[in-house]
Amino acid sequence: MTNFCCSPFWYPFARLTYGAYLSHSIFMLFKGYNTEKGIWASETEAFLFFFAYVTFSFAFSFVMTLLIEIPCRRMYTEFVVKSRGSLQDRVSASFRSLKSSDSKLSIGSGDD
């Protein structure tokens, strides 16, 4: 069961779920405020509206992922992550600067 749940098959759905969560209430409110008369409880209508909201939410999430999320992630990777360098390079550079500042302190203390 763990292998099934950890399968890479679920990754795209997991990425779209948050966008669908954020947008489904918009579709529900839009429908609720744009009706001229109240909707009485009907099992068939509730069933069909549920699937319509889920479908619209995931379709909207997919479009927003393609138009906004993926380009923003690529720009972040290109301009922020790559400009910083790898973690190993940054750690070794910080150790080099720490070592050079220690040697400057020891040289500076001998001049006094």
PDB file of N, CA and C in Angstrom:
ATOM      1  N   MET A   1       0.825  -1.193   0.000  1.00  0.00           N
ATOM      2  CA  MET A   1       0.000   0.000   0.000  1.00  0.00           C
ATOM      3  C   MET A   1       0.875   1.265   0.000  1.00  0.00           C
ATOM      4  N   THR A   2       1.982   1.228   0.752  1.00  0.00           N
ATOM      5  CA  THR A   2       2.884   2.377   0.802  1.00  0.00           C
ATOM      6  C   THR A   2       3.503   2.652  -0.557  1.00  0.00           C
ATOM      7  N   ASN A   3       3.910   1.596  -1.244  1.00  0.00           N
ATOM      8  CA  ASN A   3       4.501   1.776  -2.578  1.00  0.00           C
ATOM      9  C   ASN A   3       3.487   2.377  -3.552  1.00  0.00           C
ATOM     10  N   PHE A   4       2.221   1.973  -3.430  1.00  0.00           N
ATOM     11  CA  PHE A   4       1.183   2.523  -4.307  1.00  0.00           C
ATOM     12  C   PHE A   4       0.975   4.004  -4.024  1.00  0.00           C
ATOM     13  N   CYS A   5       0.930   4.375  -2.755  1.00  0.00           N
ATOM     14  CA  CYS A   5       0.705   5.781  -2.400  1.00  0.00           C
ATOM     15  C   CYS A   5       1.915   6.652  -2.701  1.00  0.00           C
ATOM     16  N   CYS A   6       3.113   6.086  -2.694  1.00  0.00           N
ATOM     17  CA  CYS A   6       4.335   6.848  -2.975  1.00  0.00           C
ATOM     18  C   CYS A   6       4.697   6.844  -4.452  1.00  0.00           C
ATOM     19  N   SER A   7       3.837   6.292  -5.275  1.00  0.00           N
ATOM     20  CA  SER A   7       4.103   6.197  -6.705  1.00  0.00           C
ATOM     21  C   SER A   7       4.194   7.578  -7.340  1.00  0.00           C
ATOM     22  N   PRO A   8       5.093   7.754  -8.327  1.00  0.00           N
ATOM     23  CA  PRO A   8       5.189   9.042  -9.029  1.00  0.00           C
ATOM     24  C   PRO A   8       3.933   9.380  -9.842  1.00  0.00           C
ATOM     25  N   PHE A   9       3.043   8.416  -9.993  1.00  0.00           N
ATOM     26  CA  PHE A   9       1.783   8.649 -10.696  1.00  0.00           C
ATOM     27  C   PHE A   9       0.973   9.752 -10.010  1.00  0.00           C
ATOM     28  N   TRP A  10       1.045   9.867  -8.699  1.00  0.00           N
ATOM     29  CA  TRP A  10       0.239  10.814  -7.935  1.00  0.00           C
ATOM     30  C   TRP A  10       0.810  12.219  -7.918  1.00  0.00           C
ATOM     31  N   TYR A  11       2.050  12.405  -8.341  1.00  0.00           N
ATOM     32  CA  TYR A  11       2.709  13.708  -8.239  1.00  0.00           C
ATOM     33  C   TYR A  11       1.966  14.831  -8.967  1.00  0.00           C
ATOM     34  N   PRO A  12       1.532  14.670 -10.222  1.00  0.00           N
ATOM     35  CA  PRO A  12       0.801  15.771 -10.878  1.00  0.00           C
ATOM     36  C   PRO A  12      -0.504  16.119 -10.166  1.00  0.00           C
ATOM     37  N   PHE A  13      -1.212  15.102  -9.657  1.00  0.00           N
ATOM     38  CA  PHE A  13      -2.458  15.373  -8.945  1.00  0.00           C
ATOM     39  C   PHE A  13      -2.199  16.111  -7.638  1.00  0.00           C
ATOM     40  N   ALA A  14      -1.108  15.765  -6.984  1.00  0.00           N
ATOM     41  CA  ALA A  14      -0.764  16.459  -5.736  1.00  0.00           C
ATOM     42  C   ALA A  14      -0.424  17.919  -6.009  1.00  0.00           C
ATOM     43  N   ARG A  15       0.222  18.190  -7.127  1.00  0.00           N
ATOM     44  CA  ARG A  15       0.558  19.575  -7.484  1.00  0.00           C
ATOM     45  C   ARG A  15      -0.686  20.394  -7.788  1.00  0.00           C
ATOM     46  N   LEU A  16      -1.703  19.770  -8.393  1.00  0.00           N
ATOM     47  CA  LEU A  16      -2.914  20.491  -8.776  1.00  0.00           C
ATOM     48  C   LEU A  16      -3.919  20.621  -7.631  1.00  0.00           C
ATOM     49  N   THR A  17      -3.781  19.806  -6.606  1.00  0.00           N
ATOM     50  CA  THR A  17      -4.778  19.777  -5.544  1.00  0.00           C
ATOM     51  C   THR A  17      -4.884  21.106  -4.815  1.00  0.00           C
ATOM     52  N   TYR A  18      -3.778  21.763  -4.522  1.00  0.00           N
ATOM     53  CA  TYR A  18      -3.834  23.018  -3.784  1.00  0.00           C
ATOM     54  C   TYR A  18      -4.537  24.108  -4.597  1.00  0.00           C
ATOM     55  N   GLY A  19      -4.253  24.176  -5.878  1.00  0.00           N
ATOM     56  CA  GLY A  19      -4.936  25.148  -6.735  1.00  0.00           C
ATOM     57  C   GLY A  19      -6.428  24.862  -6.829  1.00  0.00           C
ATOM     58  N   ALA A  20      -6.784  23.588  -6.877  1.00  0.00           N
ATOM     59  CA  ALA A  20      -8.202  23.227  -6.908  1.00  0.00           C
ATOM     60  C   ALA A  20      -8.865  23.584  -5.585  1.00  0.00           C
ATOM     61  N   TYR A  21      -8.168  23.382  -4.491  1.00  0.00           N
ATOM     62  CA  TYR A  21      -8.691  23.746  -3.165  1.00  0.00           C
ATOM     63  C   TYR A  21      -8.964  25.251  -3.083  1.00  0.00           C
ATOM     64  N   LEU A  22      -8.058  26.057  -3.636  1.00  0.00           N
ATOM     65  CA  LEU A  22      -8.241  27.498  -3.582  1.00  0.00           C
ATOM     66  C   LEU A  22      -9.349  27.997  -4.507  1.00  0.00           C
ATOM     67  N   SER A  23      -9.558  27.327  -5.626  1.00  0.00           N
ATOM     68  CA  SER A  23     -10.498  27.848  -6.610  1.00  0.00           C
ATOM     69  C   SER A  23     -11.904  27.266  -6.528  1.00  0.00           C
ATOM     70  N   HIS A  24     -12.102  26.145  -5.864  1.00  0.00           N
ATOM     71  CA  HIS A  24     -13.434  25.538  -5.885  1.00  0.00           C
ATOM     72  C   HIS A  24     -14.478  26.416  -5.206  1.00  0.00           C
ATOM     73  N   SER A  25     -14.104  27.126  -4.172  1.00  0.00           N
ATOM     74  CA  SER A  25     -15.086  27.975  -3.491  1.00  0.00           C
ATOM     75  C   SER A  25     -15.506  29.147  -4.368  1.00  0.00           C
ATOM     76  N   ILE A  26     -14.623  29.603  -5.228  1.00  0.00           N
ATOM     77  CA  ILE A  26     -14.972  30.698  -6.149  1.00  0.00           C
ATOM     78  C   ILE A  26     -16.089  30.255  -7.087  1.00  0.00           C
ATOM     79  N   PHE A  27     -15.967  29.039  -7.614  1.00  0.00           N
ATOM     80  CA  PHE A  27     -17.002  28.531  -8.515  1.00  0.00           C
ATOM     81  C   PHE A  27     -18.317  28.308  -7.777  1.00  0.00           C
ATOM     82  N   MET A  28     -18.241  27.828  -6.537  1.00  0.00           N
ATOM     83  CA  MET A  28     -19.457  27.604  -5.756  1.00  0.00           C
ATOM     84  C   MET A  28     -20.152  28.933  -5.440  1.00  0.00           C
ATOM     85  N   LEU A  29     -19.391  29.933  -5.042  1.00  0.00           N
ATOM     86  CA  LEU A  29     -19.985  31.238  -4.747  1.00  0.00           C
ATOM     87  C   LEU A  29     -20.553  31.893  -6.001  1.00  0.00           C
ATOM     88  N   PHE A  30     -19.858  31.759  -7.112  1.00  0.00           N
ATOM     89  CA  PHE A  30     -20.333  32.319  -8.369  1.00  0.00           C
ATOM     90  C   PHE A  30     -21.692  31.737  -8.726  1.00  0.00           C
ATOM     91  N   LYS A  31     -21.819  30.441  -8.600  1.00  0.00           N
ATOM     92  CA  LYS A  31     -23.098  29.783  -8.910  1.00  0.00           C
ATOM     93  C   LYS A  31     -24.175  30.213  -7.924  1.00  0.00           C
ATOM     94  N   GLY A  32     -23.828  30.288  -6.649  1.00  0.00           N
ATOM     95  CA  GLY A  32     -24.812  30.647  -5.632  1.00  0.00           C
ATOM     96  C   GLY A  32     -25.333  32.057  -5.775  1.00  0.00           C
ATOM     97  N   TYR A  33     -24.462  33.000  -6.106  1.00  0.00           N
ATOM     98  CA  TYR A  33     -24.888  34.398  -6.210  1.00  0.00           C
ATOM     99  C   TYR A  33     -25.507  34.750  -7.555  1.00  0.00           C
ATOM    100  N   ASN A  34     -25.375  33.882  -8.545  1.00  0.00           N
ATOM    101  CA  ASN A  34     -25.926  34.185  -9.870  1.00  0.00           C
ATOM    102  C   ASN A  34     -27.219  33.444 -10.174  1.00  0.00           C
ATOM    103  N   THR A  35     -27.852  32.896  -9.171  1.00  0.00           N
ATOM    104  CA  THR A  35     -29.150  32.264  -9.404  1.00  0.00           C
ATOM    105  C   THR A  35     -30.259  33.241  -9.014  1.00  0.00           C
ATOM    106  N   GLU A  36     -31.329  33.235  -9.797  1.00  0.00           N
ATOM    107  CA  GLU A  36     -32.432  34.141  -9.518  1.00  0.00           C
ATOM    108  C   GLU A  36     -33.314  33.635  -8.389  1.00  0.00           C
ATOM    109  N   LYS A  37     -33.411  32.347  -8.238  1.00  0.00           N
ATOM    110  CA  LYS A  37     -34.223  31.774  -7.173  1.00  0.00           C
ATOM    111  C   LYS A  37     -33.392  30.714  -6.457  1.00  0.00           C
ATOM    112  N   GLY A  38     -33.804  30.368  -5.305  1.00  0.00           N
ATOM    113  CA  GLY A  38     -33.065  29.389  -4.513  1.00  0.00           C
ATOM    114  C   GLY A  38     -33.109  28.011  -5.139  1.00  0.00           C
ATOM    115  N   ILE A  39     -32.123  27.225  -4.801  1.00  0.00           N
ATOM    116  CA  ILE A  39     -32.073  25.854  -5.290  1.00  0.00           C
ATOM    117  C   ILE A  39     -32.499  24.943  -4.146  1.00  0.00           C
ATOM    118  N   TRP A  40     -33.506  24.136  -4.403  1.00  0.00           N
ATOM    119  CA  TRP A  40     -33.950  23.184  -3.399  1.00  0.00           C
ATOM    120  C   TRP A  40     -33.069  21.951  -3.462  1.00  0.00           C
ATOM    121  N   ALA A  41     -32.968  21.284  -2.358  1.00  0.00           N
ATOM    122  CA  ALA A  41     -32.094  20.115  -2.276  1.00  0.00           C
ATOM    123  C   ALA A  41     -32.576  19.028  -3.233  1.00  0.00           C
ATOM    124  N   SER A  42     -31.691  18.662  -4.120  1.00  0.00           N
ATOM    125  CA  SER A  42     -31.970  17.591  -5.073  1.00  0.00           C
ATOM    126  C   SER A  42     -30.724  16.732  -5.166  1.00  0.00           C
ATOM    127  N   GLU A  43     -30.886  15.451  -4.997  1.00  0.00           N
ATOM    128  CA  GLU A  43     -29.736  14.546  -5.001  1.00  0.00           C
ATOM    129  C   GLU A  43     -29.016  14.563  -6.352  1.00  0.00           C
ATOM    130  N   THR A  44     -29.768  14.596  -7.411  1.00  0.00           N
ATOM    131  CA  THR A  44     -29.164  14.600  -8.745  1.00  0.00           C
ATOM    132  C   THR A  44     -28.401  15.890  -8.999  1.00  0.00           C
ATOM    133  N   GLU A  45     -29.010  17.029  -8.651  1.00  0.00           N
ATOM    134  CA  GLU A  45     -28.319  18.304  -8.847  1.00  0.00           C
ATOM    135  C   GLU A  45     -27.067  18.399  -7.998  1.00  0.00           C
ATOM    136  N   ALA A  46     -27.143  17.965  -6.754  1.00  0.00           N
ATOM    137  CA  ALA A  46     -25.978  18.008  -5.872  1.00  0.00           C
ATOM    138  C   ALA A  46     -24.848  17.145  -6.435  1.00  0.00           C
ATOM    139  N   PHE A  47     -25.196  15.973  -6.937  1.00  0.00           N
ATOM    140  CA  PHE A  47     -24.208  15.071  -7.518  1.00  0.00           C
ATOM    141  C   PHE A  47     -23.562  15.700  -8.746  1.00  0.00           C
ATOM    142  N   LEU A  48     -24.365  16.268  -9.624  1.00  0.00           N
ATOM    143  CA  LEU A  48     -23.829  16.877 -10.843  1.00  0.00           C
ATOM    144  C   LEU A  48     -23.028  18.140 -10.548  1.00  0.00           C
ATOM    145  N   PHE A  49     -23.510  18.976  -9.622  1.00  0.00           N
ATOM    146  CA  PHE A  49     -22.753  20.168  -9.261  1.00  0.00           C
ATOM    147  C   PHE A  49     -21.420  19.820  -8.618  1.00  0.00           C
ATOM    148  N   PHE A  50     -21.397  18.758  -7.806  1.00  0.00           N
ATOM    149  CA  PHE A  50     -20.136  18.326  -7.191  1.00  0.00           C
ATOM    150  C   PHE A  50     -19.101  18.011  -8.267  1.00  0.00           C
ATOM    151  N   PHE A  51     -19.473  17.209  -9.248  1.00  0.00           N
ATOM    152  CA  PHE A  51     -18.526  16.865 -10.300  1.00  0.00           C
ATOM    153  C   PHE A  51     -18.187  18.059 -11.189  1.00  0.00           C
ATOM    154  N   ALA A  52     -19.131  18.950 -11.375  1.00  0.00           N
ATOM    155  CA  ALA A  52     -18.833  20.161 -12.148  1.00  0.00           C
ATOM    156  C   ALA A  52     -17.825  21.036 -11.417  1.00  0.00           C
ATOM    157  N   TYR A  53     -18.005  21.217 -10.102  1.00  0.00           N
ATOM    158  CA  TYR A  53     -17.063  22.024  -9.323  1.00  0.00           C
ATOM    159  C   TYR A  53     -15.682  21.401  -9.298  1.00  0.00           C
ATOM    160  N   VAL A  54     -15.610  20.085  -9.131  1.00  0.00           N
ATOM    161  CA  VAL A  54     -14.313  19.399  -9.111  1.00  0.00           C
ATOM    162  C   VAL A  54     -13.631  19.535 -10.470  1.00  0.00           C
ATOM    163  N   THR A  55     -14.394  19.342 -11.527  1.00  0.00           N
ATOM    164  CA  THR A  55     -13.821  19.441 -12.874  1.00  0.00           C
ATOM    165  C   THR A  55     -13.337  20.854 -13.166  1.00  0.00           C
ATOM    166  N   PHE A  56     -14.162  21.841 -12.899  1.00  0.00           N
ATOM    167  CA  PHE A  56     -13.758  23.231 -13.139  1.00  0.00           C
ATOM    168  C   PHE A  56     -12.556  23.616 -12.272  1.00  0.00           C
ATOM    169  N   SER A  57     -12.540  23.170 -11.043  1.00  0.00           N
ATOM    170  CA  SER A  57     -11.446  23.517 -10.136  1.00  0.00           C
ATOM    171  C   SER A  57     -10.124  22.942 -10.619  1.00  0.00           C
ATOM    172  N   PHE A  58     -10.117  21.676 -10.995  1.00  0.00           N
ATOM    173  CA  PHE A  58      -8.872  21.078 -11.462  1.00  0.00           C
ATOM    174  C   PHE A  58      -8.454  21.624 -12.823  1.00  0.00           C
ATOM    175  N   ALA A  59      -9.416  21.926 -13.700  1.00  0.00           N
ATOM    176  CA  ALA A  59      -9.068  22.523 -14.990  1.00  0.00           C
ATOM    177  C   ALA A  59      -8.476  23.919 -14.789  1.00  0.00           C
ATOM    178  N   PHE A  60      -9.087  24.712 -13.921  1.00  0.00           N
ATOM    179  CA  PHE A  60      -8.566  26.048 -13.615  1.00  0.00           C
ATOM    180  C   PHE A  60      -7.184  25.961 -12.977  1.00  0.00           C
ATOM    181  N   SER A  61      -7.008  25.017 -12.065  1.00  0.00           N
ATOM    182  CA  SER A  61      -5.707  24.823 -11.420  1.00  0.00           C
ATOM    183  C   SER A  61      -4.650  24.421 -12.437  1.00  0.00           C
ATOM    184  N   PHE A  62      -5.015  23.574 -13.385  1.00  0.00           N
ATOM    185  CA  PHE A  62      -4.074  23.151 -14.422  1.00  0.00           C
ATOM    186  C   PHE A  62      -3.642  24.332 -15.287  1.00  0.00           C
ATOM    187  N   VAL A  63      -4.596  25.160 -15.689  1.00  0.00           N
ATOM    188  CA  VAL A  63      -4.276  26.325 -16.522  1.00  0.00           C
ATOM    189  C   VAL A  63      -3.390  27.309 -15.752  1.00  0.00           C
ATOM    190  N   MET A  64      -3.717  27.570 -14.505  1.00  0.00           N
ATOM    191  CA  MET A  64      -2.911  28.499 -13.693  1.00  0.00           C
ATOM    192  C   MET A  64      -1.514  27.935 -13.416  1.00  0.00           C
ATOM    193  N   THR A  65      -1.411  26.625 -13.291  1.00  0.00           N
ATOM    194  CA  THR A  65      -0.098  26.013 -13.121  1.00  0.00           C
ATOM    195  C   THR A  65       0.749  26.224 -14.368  1.00  0.00           C
ATOM    196  N   LEU A  66       0.145  26.026 -15.532  1.00  0.00           N
ATOM    197  CA  LEU A  66       0.889  26.213 -16.784  1.00  0.00           C
ATOM    198  C   LEU A  66       1.254  27.675 -17.036  1.00  0.00           C
ATOM    199  N   LEU A  67       0.346  28.593 -16.711  1.00  0.00           N
ATOM    200  CA  LEU A  67       0.573  30.001 -17.032  1.00  0.00           C
ATOM    201  C   LEU A  67       1.350  30.767 -15.968  1.00  0.00           C
ATOM    202  N   ILE A  68       1.246  30.379 -14.708  1.00  0.00           N
ATOM    203  CA  ILE A  68       1.850  31.169 -13.632  1.00  0.00           C
ATOM    204  C   ILE A  68       2.910  30.401 -12.857  1.00  0.00           C
ATOM    205  N   GLU A  69       2.537  29.240 -12.317  1.00  0.00           N
ATOM    206  CA  GLU A  69       3.430  28.557 -11.382  1.00  0.00           C
ATOM    207  C   GLU A  69       4.711  28.045 -12.036  1.00  0.00           C
ATOM    208  N   ILE A  70       4.603  27.372 -13.150  1.00  0.00           N
ATOM    209  CA  ILE A  70       5.794  26.810 -13.800  1.00  0.00           C
ATOM    210  C   ILE A  70       6.741  27.910 -14.288  1.00  0.00           C
ATOM    211  N   PRO A  71       6.267  28.969 -14.970  1.00  0.00           N
ATOM    212  CA  PRO A  71       7.205  30.033 -15.364  1.00  0.00           C
ATOM    213  C   PRO A  71       7.863  30.727 -14.174  1.00  0.00           C
ATOM    214  N   CYS A  72       7.108  30.935 -13.094  1.00  0.00           N
ATOM    215  CA  CYS A  72       7.703  31.571 -11.905  1.00  0.00           C
ATOM    216  C   CYS A  72       8.755  30.676 -11.277  1.00  0.00           C
ATOM    217  N   ARG A  73       8.492  29.368 -11.218  1.00  0.00           N
ATOM    218  CA  ARG A  73       9.475  28.446 -10.657  1.00  0.00           C
ATOM    219  C   ARG A  73      10.736  28.402 -11.519  1.00  0.00           C
ATOM    220  N   ARG A  74      10.564  28.433 -12.828  1.00  0.00           N
ATOM    221  CA  ARG A  74      11.737  28.432 -13.713  1.00  0.00           C
ATOM    222  C   ARG A  74      12.559  29.710 -13.559  1.00  0.00           C
ATOM    223  N   MET A  75      11.883  30.862 -13.433  1.00  0.00           N
ATOM    224  CA  MET A  75      12.616  32.113 -13.226  1.00  0.00           C
ATOM    225  C   MET A  75      13.348  32.100 -11.887  1.00  0.00           C
ATOM    226  N   TYR A  76      12.711  31.585 -10.844  1.00  0.00           N
ATOM    227  CA  TYR A  76      13.352  31.494  -9.533  1.00  0.00           C
ATOM    228  C   TYR A  76      14.595  30.604  -9.605  1.00  0.00           C
ATOM    229  N   THR A  77      14.460  29.468 -10.272  1.00  0.00           N
ATOM    230  CA  THR A  77      15.604  28.563 -10.415  1.00  0.00           C
ATOM    231  C   THR A  77      16.724  29.218 -11.205  1.00  0.00           C
ATOM    232  N   GLU A  78      16.370  29.899 -12.280  1.00  0.00           N
ATOM    233  CA  GLU A  78      17.381  30.503 -13.155  1.00  0.00           C
ATOM    234  C   GLU A  78      18.091  31.671 -12.486  1.00  0.00           C
ATOM    235  N   PHE A  79      17.347  32.556 -11.850  1.00  0.00           N
ATOM    236  CA  PHE A  79      17.943  33.790 -11.358  1.00  0.00           C
ATOM    237  C   PHE A  79      18.356  33.756  -9.896  1.00  0.00           C
ATOM    238  N   VAL A  80      17.768  32.907  -9.102  1.00  0.00           N
ATOM    239  CA  VAL A  80      18.096  32.882  -7.680  1.00  0.00           C
ATOM    240  C   VAL A  80      18.959  31.686  -7.328  1.00  0.00           C
ATOM    241  N   VAL A  81      18.496  30.508  -7.664  1.00  0.00           N
ATOM    242  CA  VAL A  81      19.217  29.298  -7.265  1.00  0.00           C
ATOM    243  C   VAL A  81      20.549  29.190  -7.991  1.00  0.00           C
ATOM    244  N   LYS A  82      20.551  29.398  -9.307  1.00  0.00           N
ATOM    245  CA  LYS A  82      21.799  29.266 -10.057  1.00  0.00           C
ATOM    246  C   LYS A  82      22.779  30.393  -9.749  1.00  0.00           C
ATOM    247  N   SER A  83      22.288  31.579  -9.398  1.00  0.00           N
ATOM    248  CA  SER A  83      23.201  32.683  -9.095  1.00  0.00           C
ATOM    249  C   SER A  83      23.891  32.474  -7.750  1.00  0.00           C
ATOM    250  N   ARG A  84      23.253  31.759  -6.862  1.00  0.00           N
ATOM    251  CA  ARG A  84      23.877  31.466  -5.570  1.00  0.00           C
ATOM    252  C   ARG A  84      24.952  30.405  -5.688  1.00  0.00           C
ATOM    253  N   GLY A  85      24.824  29.525  -6.628  1.00  0.00           N
ATOM    254  CA  GLY A  85      25.755  28.416  -6.753  1.00  0.00           C
ATOM    255  C   GLY A  85      25.273  27.242  -5.919  1.00  0.00           C
ATOM    256  N   SER A  86      26.046  26.191  -5.928  1.00  0.00           N
ATOM    257  CA  SER A  86      25.642  25.011  -5.175  1.00  0.00           C
ATOM    258  C   SER A  86      25.884  25.223  -3.690  1.00  0.00           C
ATOM    259  N   LEU A  87      25.273  24.406  -2.893  1.00  0.00           N
ATOM    260  CA  LEU A  87      25.411  24.502  -1.445  1.00  0.00           C
ATOM    261  C   LEU A  87      26.851  24.238  -1.030  1.00  0.00           C
ATOM    262  N   GLN A  88      27.484  23.294  -1.677  1.00  0.00           N
ATOM    263  CA  GLN A  88      28.880  22.978  -1.352  1.00  0.00           C
ATOM    264  C   GLN A  88      29.791  24.172  -1.633  1.00  0.00           C
ATOM    265  N   ASP A  89      29.581  24.861  -2.747  1.00  0.00           N
ATOM    266  CA  ASP A  89      30.387  26.039  -3.065  1.00  0.00           C
ATOM    267  C   ASP A  89      30.179  27.148  -2.047  1.00  0.00           C
ATOM    268  N   ARG A  90      28.921  27.359  -1.647  1.00  0.00           N
ATOM    269  CA  ARG A  90      28.651  28.405  -0.671  1.00  0.00           C
ATOM    270  C   ARG A  90      29.242  28.088   0.697  1.00  0.00           C
ATOM    271  N   VAL A  91      29.185  26.828   1.114  1.00  0.00           N
ATOM    272  CA  VAL A  91      29.741  26.441   2.417  1.00  0.00           C
ATOM    273  C   VAL A  91      31.250  26.582   2.409  1.00  0.00           C
ATOM    274  N   SER A  92      31.896  26.115   1.336  1.00  0.00           N
ATOM    275  CA  SER A  92      33.362  26.220   1.280  1.00  0.00           C
ATOM    276  C   SER A  92      33.794  27.685   1.194  1.00  0.00           C
ATOM    277  N   ALA A  93      33.018  28.527   0.508  1.00  0.00           N
ATOM    278  CA  ALA A  93      33.352  29.950   0.439  1.00  0.00           C
ATOM    279  C   ALA A  93      33.206  30.604   1.806  1.00  0.00           C
ATOM    280  N   SER A  94      32.197  30.211   2.562  1.00  0.00           N
ATOM    281  CA  SER A  94      32.043  30.798   3.897  1.00  0.00           C
ATOM    282  C   SER A  94      33.166  30.350   4.823  1.00  0.00           C
ATOM    283  N   PHE A  95      33.625  29.101   4.686  1.00  0.00           N
ATOM    284  CA  PHE A  95      34.758  28.656   5.498  1.00  0.00           C
ATOM    285  C   PHE A  95      36.044  29.380   5.102  1.00  0.00           C
ATOM    286  N   ARG A  96      36.226  29.615   3.798  1.00  0.00           N
ATOM    287  CA  ARG A  96      37.411  30.358   3.354  1.00  0.00           C
ATOM    288  C   ARG A  96      37.395  31.777   3.901  1.00  0.00           C
ATOM    289  N   SER A  97      36.223  32.430   3.859  1.00  0.00           N
ATOM    290  CA  SER A  97      36.153  33.794   4.383  1.00  0.00           C
ATOM    291  C   SER A  97      36.342  33.806   5.892  1.00  0.00           C
ATOM    292  N   LEU A  98      35.859  32.786   6.572  1.00  0.00           N
ATOM    293  CA  LEU A  98      36.056  32.692   8.017  1.00  0.00           C
ATOM    294  C   LEU A  98      37.528  32.486   8.337  1.00  0.00           C
ATOM    295  N   LYS A  99      38.198  31.635   7.561  1.00  0.00           N
ATOM    296  CA  LYS A  99      39.622  31.362   7.780  1.00  0.00           C
ATOM    297  C   LYS A  99      40.463  32.609   7.499  1.00  0.00           C
ATOM    298  N   SER A 100      40.115  33.347   6.435  1.00  0.00           N
ATOM    299  CA  SER A 100      40.883  34.550   6.109  1.00  0.00           C
ATOM    300  C   SER A 100      40.646  35.648   7.141  1.00  0.00           C
ATOM    301  N   SER A 101      39.429  35.753   7.679  1.00  0.00           N
ATOM    302  CA  SER A 101      39.192  36.761   8.708  1.00  0.00           C
ATOM    303  C   SER A 101      39.905  36.400  10.005  1.00  0.00           C
ATOM    304  N   ASP A 102      40.050  35.106  10.307  1.00  0.00           N
ATOM    305  CA  ASP A 102      40.807  34.682  11.490  1.00  0.00           C
ATOM    306  C   ASP A 102      42.298  35.002  11.338  1.00  0.00           C
ATOM    307  N   SER A 103      42.831  34.787  10.127  1.00  0.00           N
ATOM    308  CA  SER A 103      44.249  35.074   9.922  1.00  0.00           C
ATOM    309  C   SER A 103      44.510  36.578   9.973  1.00  0.00           C
ATOM    310  N   LYS A 104      43.557  37.398   9.477  1.00  0.00           N
ATOM    311  CA  LYS A 104      43.719  38.848   9.556  1.00  0.00           C
ATOM    312  C   LYS A 104      43.690  39.324  11.012  1.00  0.00           C
ATOM    313  N   LEU A 105      42.851  38.694  11.805  1.00  0.00           N
ATOM    314  CA  LEU A 105      42.801  39.053  13.221  1.00  0.00           C
ATOM    315  C   LEU A 105      44.112  38.703  13.928  1.00  0.00           C
ATOM    316  N   SER A 106      44.683  37.546  13.601  1.00  0.00           N
ATOM    317  CA  SER A 106      45.934  37.156  14.268  1.00  0.00           C
ATOM    318  C   SER A 106      47.093  38.035  13.784  1.00  0.00           C
ATOM    319  N   ILE A 107      47.078  38.431  12.527  1.00  0.00           N
ATOM    320  CA  ILE A 107      48.123  39.339  12.017  1.00  0.00           C
ATOM    321  C   ILE A 107      47.940  40.708  12.640  1.00  0.00           C
ATOM    322  N   GLY A 108      46.703  41.175  12.719  1.00  0.00           N
ATOM    323  CA  GLY A 108      46.413  42.495  13.273  1.00  0.00           C
ATOM    324  C   GLY A 108      46.763  42.579  14.746  1.00  0.00           C
ATOM    325  N   SER A 109      46.625  41.493  15.477  1.00  0.00           N
ATOM    326  CA  SER A 109      46.934  41.549  16.917  1.00  0.00           C
ATOM    327  C   SER A 109      48.428  41.578  17.157  1.00  0.00           C
ATOM    328  N   GLY A 110      49.253  41.060  16.222  1.00  0.00           N
ATOM    329  CA  GLY A 110      50.710  41.108  16.380  1.00  0.00           C
ATOM    330  C   GLY A 110      51.278  42.476  16.109  1.00  0.00           C
ATOM    331  N   ASP A 111      50.559  43.340  15.344  1.00  0.00           N
ATOM    332  CA  ASP A 111      51.054  44.675  15.009  1.00  0.00           C
ATOM    333  C   ASP A 111      50.929  45.646  16.168  1.00  0.00           C
ATOM    334  N   ASP A 112      50.066  45.337  17.156  1.00  0.00           N
ATOM    335  CA  ASP A 112      49.835  46.279  18.249  1.00  0.00           C
ATOM    336  C   ASP A 112      50.993  46.350  19.108  1.00  0.00           C
TER     337      ASP A 112
END
